[in-house]
Amino acid sequence: MSMRDYVQKTRHLASCIVTKPIAMASQDHVFVFGMREGMTRYCLTRAKPATLEEAFALALREDYVVTSSYARQMPAEVPSSGPELMEIDAVSAPTVAVLGARTRWS
């Protein structure tokens, strides 16, 4: 599930609680520890947002930063100017013909 979907799902669930509201700290805790582990979750545990909306904004921003940094780490494949690999089957050994006392390479 993407971070955006997770935030939307949590927003919907939080809006459904109207009879007995849950403390904001508990909502933040449930939101943060419901995430999969990673840099976004780590940043949220370090930041300690005051409201659930702050947690949502921070989570979306950190998720964007993390995913964009992964996209930049994978460089395009650049052909090297060095020697090319060759299949071993393409190399053939020279044949040796023995004619009497002479050896002839072909």
N, C-alpha and C. Protein backbone atom coordinates (compact mmCIF):
# COMPACT_ATOMS: atom_id res chain seq x y z
N MET A 1 0.86 -1.16 0.00
CA MET A 1 0.00 0.00 0.00
C MET A 1 0.91 1.23 0.00
N SER A 2 0.60 2.18 -0.85
CA SER A 2 1.40 3.39 -0.92
C SER A 2 1.14 4.26 0.31
N MET A 3 2.04 5.19 0.55
CA MET A 3 1.89 6.09 1.71
C MET A 3 0.64 6.94 1.55
N ARG A 4 0.38 7.36 0.34
CA ARG A 4 -0.82 8.19 0.11
C ARG A 4 -2.10 7.42 0.44
N ASP A 5 -2.16 6.16 0.03
CA ASP A 5 -3.32 5.32 0.35
C ASP A 5 -3.44 5.10 1.85
N TYR A 6 -2.31 4.89 2.51
CA TYR A 6 -2.32 4.66 3.95
C TYR A 6 -2.81 5.91 4.69
N VAL A 7 -2.38 7.08 4.25
CA VAL A 7 -2.83 8.34 4.87
C VAL A 7 -4.33 8.51 4.67
N GLN A 8 -4.82 8.26 3.46
CA GLN A 8 -6.25 8.39 3.19
C GLN A 8 -7.07 7.41 4.03
N LYS A 9 -6.60 6.19 4.15
CA LYS A 9 -7.30 5.19 4.95
C LYS A 9 -7.34 5.61 6.42
N THR A 10 -6.23 6.10 6.93
CA THR A 10 -6.17 6.54 8.33
C THR A 10 -7.06 7.76 8.55
N ARG A 11 -7.07 8.69 7.61
CA ARG A 11 -7.97 9.86 7.71
C ARG A 11 -9.42 9.42 7.80
N HIS A 12 -9.79 8.48 6.96
CA HIS A 12 -11.17 7.98 6.95
C HIS A 12 -11.51 7.31 8.28
N LEU A 13 -10.61 6.46 8.77
CA LEU A 13 -10.87 5.79 10.04
C LEU A 13 -10.94 6.77 11.20
N ALA A 14 -10.08 7.79 11.21
CA ALA A 14 -10.11 8.79 12.28
C ALA A 14 -11.39 9.61 12.23
N SER A 15 -11.90 9.87 11.03
CA SER A 15 -13.13 10.66 10.92
C SER A 15 -14.36 9.85 11.33
N CYS A 16 -14.26 8.54 11.33
CA CYS A 16 -15.39 7.69 11.73
C CYS A 16 -15.56 7.64 13.24
N ILE A 17 -14.54 8.00 13.99
CA ILE A 17 -14.62 7.96 15.46
C ILE A 17 -15.23 9.28 15.94
N VAL A 18 -16.51 9.25 16.30
CA VAL A 18 -17.17 10.49 16.75
C VAL A 18 -17.73 10.37 18.16
N THR A 19 -18.11 9.18 18.58
CA THR A 19 -18.75 9.05 19.89
C THR A 19 -17.75 9.17 21.03
N LYS A 20 -16.62 8.46 20.94
CA LYS A 20 -15.59 8.53 21.97
C LYS A 20 -14.26 8.85 21.29
N PRO A 21 -13.92 10.12 21.14
CA PRO A 21 -12.67 10.48 20.46
C PRO A 21 -11.44 9.94 21.19
N ILE A 22 -10.45 9.59 20.41
CA ILE A 22 -9.18 9.08 20.94
C ILE A 22 -8.21 10.26 21.07
N ALA A 23 -7.36 10.22 22.08
CA ALA A 23 -6.38 11.28 22.28
C ALA A 23 -5.48 11.40 21.05
N MET A 24 -5.06 12.63 20.77
CA MET A 24 -4.24 12.90 19.58
C MET A 24 -2.93 12.12 19.63
N ALA A 25 -2.32 12.01 20.80
CA ALA A 25 -1.06 11.26 20.92
C ALA A 25 -1.27 9.79 20.55
N SER A 26 -2.39 9.24 20.94
CA SER A 26 -2.69 7.84 20.61
C SER A 26 -2.92 7.67 19.11
N GLN A 27 -3.60 8.64 18.49
CA GLN A 27 -3.82 8.57 17.05
C GLN A 27 -2.49 8.63 16.30
N ASP A 28 -1.61 9.53 16.73
CA ASP A 28 -0.28 9.62 16.11
C ASP A 28 0.48 8.32 16.26
N HIS A 29 0.44 7.76 17.46
CA HIS A 29 1.16 6.51 17.74
C HIS A 29 0.65 5.38 16.84
N VAL A 30 -0.66 5.25 16.74
CA VAL A 30 -1.24 4.19 15.91
C VAL A 30 -0.87 4.40 14.44
N PHE A 31 -0.91 5.65 13.98
CA PHE A 31 -0.55 5.94 12.60
C PHE A 31 0.90 5.58 12.31
N VAL A 32 1.81 6.03 13.17
CA VAL A 32 3.24 5.82 12.93
C VAL A 32 3.60 4.34 13.01
N PHE A 33 3.09 3.64 14.01
CA PHE A 33 3.49 2.25 14.18
C PHE A 33 2.68 1.30 13.31
N GLY A 34 1.73 1.82 12.57
CA GLY A 34 1.03 1.02 11.57
C GLY A 34 1.74 1.01 10.24
N MET A 35 2.74 1.89 10.09
CA MET A 35 3.52 1.95 8.85
C MET A 35 4.49 0.80 8.76
N ARG A 36 4.92 0.51 7.54
CA ARG A 36 6.00 -0.46 7.39
C ARG A 36 7.30 0.24 7.80
N GLU A 37 8.27 -0.55 8.23
CA GLU A 37 9.51 0.03 8.72
C GLU A 37 10.29 0.64 7.57
N GLY A 38 10.99 1.72 7.87
CA GLY A 38 11.79 2.39 6.86
C GLY A 38 12.15 3.79 7.32
N MET A 39 12.71 4.56 6.39
CA MET A 39 13.15 5.91 6.73
C MET A 39 11.99 6.83 7.08
N THR A 40 10.86 6.68 6.42
CA THR A 40 9.71 7.54 6.70
C THR A 40 9.24 7.33 8.13
N ARG A 41 9.12 6.08 8.51
CA ARG A 41 8.69 5.78 9.89
C ARG A 41 9.72 6.28 10.89
N TYR A 42 10.98 6.10 10.59
CA TYR A 42 12.04 6.57 11.48
C TYR A 42 11.97 8.08 11.67
N CYS A 43 11.79 8.82 10.58
CA CYS A 43 11.70 10.28 10.67
C CYS A 43 10.49 10.72 11.49
N LEU A 44 9.38 10.01 11.35
CA LEU A 44 8.19 10.37 12.12
C LEU A 44 8.38 10.09 13.61
N THR A 45 9.06 9.02 13.95
CA THR A 45 9.28 8.75 15.37
C THR A 45 10.24 9.77 15.97
N ARG A 46 11.15 10.31 15.18
CA ARG A 46 12.08 11.33 15.67
C ARG A 46 11.43 12.70 15.76
N ALA A 47 10.51 13.03 14.84
CA ALA A 47 9.92 14.36 14.77
C ALA A 47 8.85 14.59 15.84
N LYS A 48 8.13 13.58 16.22
CA LYS A 48 7.04 13.66 17.20
C LYS A 48 6.05 14.78 16.85
N PRO A 49 5.26 14.59 15.79
CA PRO A 49 4.29 15.61 15.39
C PRO A 49 3.20 15.80 16.45
N ALA A 50 2.68 17.03 16.56
CA ALA A 50 1.69 17.35 17.59
C ALA A 50 0.29 16.88 17.20
N THR A 51 -0.03 16.95 15.92
CA THR A 51 -1.37 16.55 15.47
C THR A 51 -1.26 15.46 14.42
N LEU A 52 -2.39 14.84 14.16
CA LEU A 52 -2.42 13.79 13.15
C LEU A 52 -2.19 14.37 11.75
N GLU A 53 -2.71 15.55 11.50
CA GLU A 53 -2.49 16.19 10.19
C GLU A 53 -1.02 16.53 9.97
N GLU A 54 -0.33 16.94 11.03
CA GLU A 54 1.12 17.18 10.90
C GLU A 54 1.84 15.87 10.58
N ALA A 55 1.41 14.80 11.20
CA ALA A 55 2.01 13.49 10.93
C ALA A 55 1.76 13.08 9.48
N PHE A 56 0.56 13.33 8.98
CA PHE A 56 0.25 13.01 7.58
C PHE A 56 1.15 13.80 6.63
N ALA A 57 1.25 15.11 6.88
CA ALA A 57 2.06 15.96 6.00
C ALA A 57 3.53 15.54 6.03
N LEU A 58 4.03 15.28 7.22
CA LEU A 58 5.43 14.87 7.35
C LEU A 58 5.67 13.51 6.69
N ALA A 59 4.74 12.59 6.86
CA ALA A 59 4.88 11.26 6.26
C ALA A 59 4.89 11.34 4.74
N LEU A 60 3.99 12.13 4.18
CA LEU A 60 3.95 12.26 2.72
C LEU A 60 5.21 12.92 2.18
N ARG A 61 5.70 13.95 2.89
CA ARG A 61 6.91 14.63 2.46
C ARG A 61 8.12 13.70 2.54
N GLU A 62 8.27 13.00 3.65
CA GLU A 62 9.41 12.09 3.81
C GLU A 62 9.34 10.93 2.82
N ASP A 63 8.14 10.42 2.57
CA ASP A 63 7.99 9.34 1.60
C ASP A 63 8.41 9.81 0.21
N TYR A 64 8.06 11.04 -0.14
CA TYR A 64 8.47 11.59 -1.43
C TYR A 64 9.99 11.71 -1.51
N VAL A 65 10.60 12.20 -0.44
CA VAL A 65 12.06 12.36 -0.42
C VAL A 65 12.75 11.01 -0.56
N VAL A 66 12.26 10.02 0.17
CA VAL A 66 12.88 8.69 0.14
C VAL A 66 12.73 8.06 -1.24
N THR A 67 11.53 8.10 -1.81
CA THR A 67 11.33 7.47 -3.12
C THR A 67 12.09 8.20 -4.22
N SER A 68 12.19 9.52 -4.14
CA SER A 68 12.94 10.24 -5.17
C SER A 68 14.43 9.99 -5.04
N SER A 69 14.92 9.76 -3.83
CA SER A 69 16.36 9.48 -3.68
C SER A 69 16.69 8.09 -4.23
N TYR A 70 15.77 7.13 -4.11
CA TYR A 70 16.00 5.82 -4.70
C TYR A 70 16.02 5.90 -6.22
N ALA A 71 15.21 6.76 -6.79
CA ALA A 71 15.16 6.89 -8.24
C ALA A 71 16.47 7.44 -8.79
N ARG A 72 17.14 8.30 -8.03
CA ARG A 72 18.39 8.89 -8.50
C ARG A 72 19.58 7.97 -8.29
N GLN A 73 19.47 6.96 -7.45
CA GLN A 73 20.61 6.10 -7.18
C GLN A 73 20.89 5.13 -8.30
N MET A 74 19.93 4.83 -9.13
CA MET A 74 20.12 3.83 -10.18
C MET A 74 20.54 4.51 -11.48
N PRO A 75 21.84 4.54 -11.77
CA PRO A 75 22.29 5.20 -13.00
C PRO A 75 21.94 4.38 -14.23
N ALA A 76 21.84 5.09 -15.34
CA ALA A 76 21.57 4.41 -16.61
C ALA A 76 22.79 3.57 -16.97
N GLU A 77 22.54 2.47 -17.65
CA GLU A 77 23.64 1.58 -18.02
C GLU A 77 24.44 2.21 -19.15
N VAL A 78 25.70 2.49 -18.87
CA VAL A 78 26.58 3.12 -19.85
C VAL A 78 27.50 2.05 -20.41
N PRO A 79 27.55 1.93 -21.73
CA PRO A 79 28.45 0.92 -22.30
C PRO A 79 29.91 1.28 -21.99
N SER A 80 30.67 0.31 -21.60
CA SER A 80 32.08 0.56 -21.28
C SER A 80 32.90 0.55 -22.57
N SER A 81 34.02 1.24 -22.52
CA SER A 81 34.88 1.29 -23.70
C SER A 81 35.92 0.17 -23.67
N GLY A 82 35.86 -0.68 -22.66
CA GLY A 82 36.81 -1.78 -22.53
C GLY A 82 36.47 -2.94 -23.44
N PRO A 83 37.19 -4.02 -23.28
CA PRO A 83 36.95 -5.20 -24.12
C PRO A 83 35.59 -5.83 -23.83
N GLU A 84 35.03 -6.43 -24.86
CA GLU A 84 33.73 -7.08 -24.71
C GLU A 84 33.93 -8.54 -24.34
N LEU A 85 33.00 -9.06 -23.57
CA LEU A 85 33.05 -10.47 -23.20
C LEU A 85 32.71 -11.33 -24.41
N MET A 86 33.27 -12.51 -24.44
CA MET A 86 33.07 -13.40 -25.56
C MET A 86 32.60 -14.76 -25.05
N GLU A 87 31.77 -15.42 -25.81
CA GLU A 87 31.34 -16.75 -25.41
C GLU A 87 32.49 -17.73 -25.60
N ILE A 88 32.59 -18.66 -24.69
CA ILE A 88 33.69 -19.63 -24.77
C ILE A 88 33.52 -20.54 -25.98
N ASP A 89 32.30 -20.85 -26.36
CA ASP A 89 32.07 -21.72 -27.51
C ASP A 89 32.53 -21.08 -28.82
N ALA A 90 32.67 -19.77 -28.85
CA ALA A 90 33.07 -19.09 -30.07
C ALA A 90 34.56 -19.26 -30.35
N VAL A 91 35.33 -19.62 -29.35
CA VAL A 91 36.76 -19.82 -29.52
C VAL A 91 37.01 -21.28 -29.90
N SER A 92 37.73 -21.49 -30.98
CA SER A 92 38.04 -22.87 -31.38
C SER A 92 39.55 -23.06 -31.36
N ALA A 93 39.95 -24.19 -30.93
CA ALA A 93 41.38 -24.51 -30.87
C ALA A 93 41.85 -24.89 -32.27
N PRO A 94 43.08 -24.57 -32.59
CA PRO A 94 43.60 -24.96 -33.91
C PRO A 94 43.74 -26.48 -33.98
N THR A 95 43.51 -27.01 -35.17
CA THR A 95 43.63 -28.46 -35.35
C THR A 95 45.06 -28.80 -35.77
N VAL A 96 45.51 -29.92 -35.33
CA VAL A 96 46.88 -30.35 -35.62
C VAL A 96 46.80 -31.60 -36.48
N ALA A 97 47.47 -31.57 -37.61
CA ALA A 97 47.54 -32.75 -38.48
C ALA A 97 48.97 -33.27 -38.46
N VAL A 98 49.11 -34.52 -38.20
CA VAL A 98 50.44 -35.13 -38.16
C VAL A 98 50.64 -35.87 -39.47
N LEU A 99 51.61 -35.45 -40.23
CA LEU A 99 51.94 -36.07 -41.50
C LEU A 99 53.36 -36.62 -41.42
N GLY A 100 53.42 -37.86 -41.19
CA GLY A 100 54.75 -38.47 -41.08
C GLY A 100 55.50 -37.86 -39.91
N ALA A 101 56.68 -37.32 -40.17
CA ALA A 101 57.51 -36.75 -39.12
C ALA A 101 57.22 -35.27 -38.93
N ARG A 102 56.42 -34.68 -39.80
CA ARG A 102 56.14 -33.25 -39.71
C ARG A 102 54.81 -32.99 -39.01
N THR A 103 54.74 -31.89 -38.38
CA THR A 103 53.49 -31.45 -37.76
C THR A 103 53.04 -30.20 -38.49
N ARG A 104 51.81 -30.21 -38.94
CA ARG A 104 51.30 -29.06 -39.68
C ARG A 104 50.10 -28.47 -38.93
N TRP A 105 50.14 -27.16 -38.70
CA TRP A 105 49.02 -26.46 -38.04
C TRP A 105 48.10 -25.91 -39.11
N SER A 106 46.82 -26.08 -38.89
CA SER A 106 45.90 -25.51 -39.88
C SER A 106 45.08 -24.42 -39.26
